[in-house]
C-alpha atoms as a PDB file:
ATOM      1  CA  UNK A   1       4.123 -25.857  10.094  1.00  0.00           C
ATOM      2  CA  UNK A   2       6.792 -26.123   7.529  1.00  0.00           C
ATOM      3  CA  UNK A   3       6.891 -24.764   3.964  1.00  0.00           C
ATOM      4  CA  UNK A   4       5.433 -26.757   1.212  1.00  0.00           C
ATOM      5  CA  UNK A   5       7.986 -26.155  -1.313  1.00  0.00           C
ATOM      6  CA  UNK A   6      10.819 -23.481  -2.333  1.00  0.00           C
ATOM      7  CA  UNK A   7      12.019 -20.431  -0.838  1.00  0.00           C
ATOM      8  CA  UNK A   8       9.616 -17.729   0.734  1.00  0.00           C
ATOM      9  CA  UNK A   9       9.823 -14.046   0.188  1.00  0.00           C
ATOM     10  CA  UNK A  10       7.963 -11.346   2.121  1.00  0.00           C
ATOM     11  CA  UNK A  11       5.344  -9.432   0.515  1.00  0.00           C
ATOM     12  CA  UNK A  12       5.725  -5.612   0.671  1.00  0.00           C
ATOM     13  CA  UNK A  13       5.858  -4.708   4.447  1.00  0.00           C
ATOM     14  CA  UNK A  14       3.426  -7.265   5.574  1.00  0.00           C
ATOM     15  CA  UNK A  15       3.334 -10.534   7.510  1.00  0.00           C
ATOM     16  CA  UNK A  16       2.579 -12.368   4.425  1.00  0.00           C
ATOM     17  CA  UNK A  17       5.166 -14.672   2.658  1.00  0.00           C
ATOM     18  CA  UNK A  18       5.020 -16.158  -0.891  1.00  0.00           C
ATOM     19  CA  UNK A  19       7.164 -18.638  -2.911  1.00  0.00           C
ATOM     20  CA  UNK A  20       7.813 -18.932  -6.451  1.00  0.00           C
ATOM     21  CA  UNK A  21       4.783 -21.527  -7.050  1.00  0.00           C
ATOM     22  CA  UNK A  22       2.089 -19.141  -5.447  1.00  0.00           C
ATOM     23  CA  UNK A  23       1.848 -20.530  -2.153  1.00  0.00           C
ATOM     24  CA  UNK A  24       1.176 -17.785   0.505  1.00  0.00           C
ATOM     25  CA  UNK A  25       1.530 -18.089   4.175  1.00  0.00           C
ATOM     26  CA  UNK A  26       0.558 -15.821   6.932  1.00  0.00           C
ATOM     27  CA  UNK A  27       2.986 -15.120   9.966  1.00  0.00           C
ATOM     28  CA  UNK A  28       0.580 -13.101  11.873  1.00  0.00           C
ATOM     29  CA  UNK A  29       0.527 -14.981  15.084  1.00  0.00           C
ATOM     30  CA  UNK A  30       4.285 -16.138  14.925  1.00  0.00           C
ATOM     31  CA  UNK A  31       3.301 -19.464  13.079  1.00  0.00           C
ATOM     32  CA  UNK A  32       3.106 -20.285   9.486  1.00  0.00           C
ATOM     33  CA  UNK A  33      -0.426 -20.596   8.198  1.00  0.00           C
ATOM     34  CA  UNK A  34      -0.979 -21.485   4.505  1.00  0.00           C
ATOM     35  CA  UNK A  35      -3.570 -19.454   3.052  1.00  0.00           C
ATOM     36  CA  UNK A  36      -6.657 -20.627   0.898  1.00  0.00           C
ATOM     37  CA  UNK A  37      -6.884 -19.076  -2.652  1.00  0.00           C
ATOM     38  CA  UNK A  38      -9.992 -18.716  -4.571  1.00  0.00           C
ATOM     39  CA  UNK A  39     -10.903 -18.330  -8.150  1.00  0.00           C
ATOM     40  CA  UNK A  40     -11.697 -15.244  -9.866  1.00  0.00           C
ATOM     41  CA  UNK A  41     -14.351 -15.131 -12.546  1.00  0.00           C
ATOM     42  CA  UNK A  42     -11.382 -14.828 -15.220  1.00  0.00           C
ATOM     43  CA  UNK A  43     -10.318 -18.105 -13.842  1.00  0.00           C
ATOM     44  CA  UNK A  44      -7.052 -17.011 -12.158  1.00  0.00           C
ATOM     45  CA  UNK A  45      -6.364 -17.705  -8.420  1.00  0.00           C
ATOM     46  CA  UNK A  46      -6.938 -14.907  -6.274  1.00  0.00           C
ATOM     47  CA  UNK A  47      -6.377 -14.310  -2.530  1.00  0.00           C
ATOM     48  CA  UNK A  48      -7.446 -11.939   0.046  1.00  0.00           C
ATOM     49  CA  UNK A  49      -4.823 -10.091   2.104  1.00  0.00           C
ATOM     50  CA  UNK A  50      -4.809  -7.252   4.634  1.00  0.00           C
ATOM     51  CA  UNK A  51      -2.660  -4.390   3.414  1.00  0.00           C
ATOM     52  CA  UNK A  52      -2.249  -1.022   5.256  1.00  0.00           C
ATOM     53  CA  UNK A  53      -5.451  -2.262   7.562  1.00  0.00           C
ATOM     54  CA  UNK A  54      -7.749  -2.997   4.412  1.00  0.00           C
ATOM     55  CA  UNK A  55      -8.675  -6.283   2.822  1.00  0.00           C
ATOM     56  CA  UNK A  56      -7.480  -6.353  -0.817  1.00  0.00           C
ATOM     57  CA  UNK A  57      -8.008  -9.057  -3.075  1.00  0.00           C
ATOM     58  CA  UNK A  58      -5.010  -9.718  -5.173  1.00  0.00           C
ATOM     59  CA  UNK A  59      -4.389 -12.014  -8.269  1.00  0.00           C
ATOM     60  CA  UNK A  60      -1.759 -14.537  -7.097  1.00  0.00           C
ATOM     61  CA  UNK A  61       0.296 -14.384 -10.269  1.00  0.00           C
ATOM     62  CA  UNK A  62       0.512 -10.468  -9.783  1.00  0.00           C
ATOM     63  CA  UNK A  63       1.694 -11.026  -6.047  1.00  0.00           C
ATOM     64  CA  UNK A  64       4.245 -13.595  -7.164  1.00  0.00           C
ATOM     65  CA  UNK A  65       5.610 -11.082 -10.042  1.00  0.00           C
ATOM     66  CA  UNK A  66       5.876  -8.382  -7.471  1.00  0.00           C
ATOM     67  CA  UNK A  67       7.492 -10.396  -4.813  1.00  0.00           C
ATOM     68  CA  UNK A  68       9.912 -12.040  -7.199  1.00  0.00           C
ATOM     69  CA  UNK A  69      10.428  -9.347  -9.940  1.00  0.00           C
ATOM     70  CA  UNK A  70       9.531  -6.057  -8.369  1.00  0.00           C
ATOM     71  CA  UNK A  71       6.434  -3.847  -8.186  1.00  0.00           C
ATOM     72  CA  UNK A  72       3.923  -3.850 -11.246  1.00  0.00           C
ATOM     73  CA  UNK A  73       2.444  -1.122 -12.871  1.00  0.00           C
END
């Protein structure tokens, strides 16, 4: 599967890639799989990723900010 748009960057040291538009793909099995996003009660898009062996729900805008601008506090 090809990228939807833009350049993808790896999230931390995980098999997940994120572009500047908030599209997230998994490379777990050597192929790109676009991941579905949900919506938090706040209205923001969220995604559940496995980080350090644990499932973690992350706001997509925070994920994009960390990948493109560095870790958030």
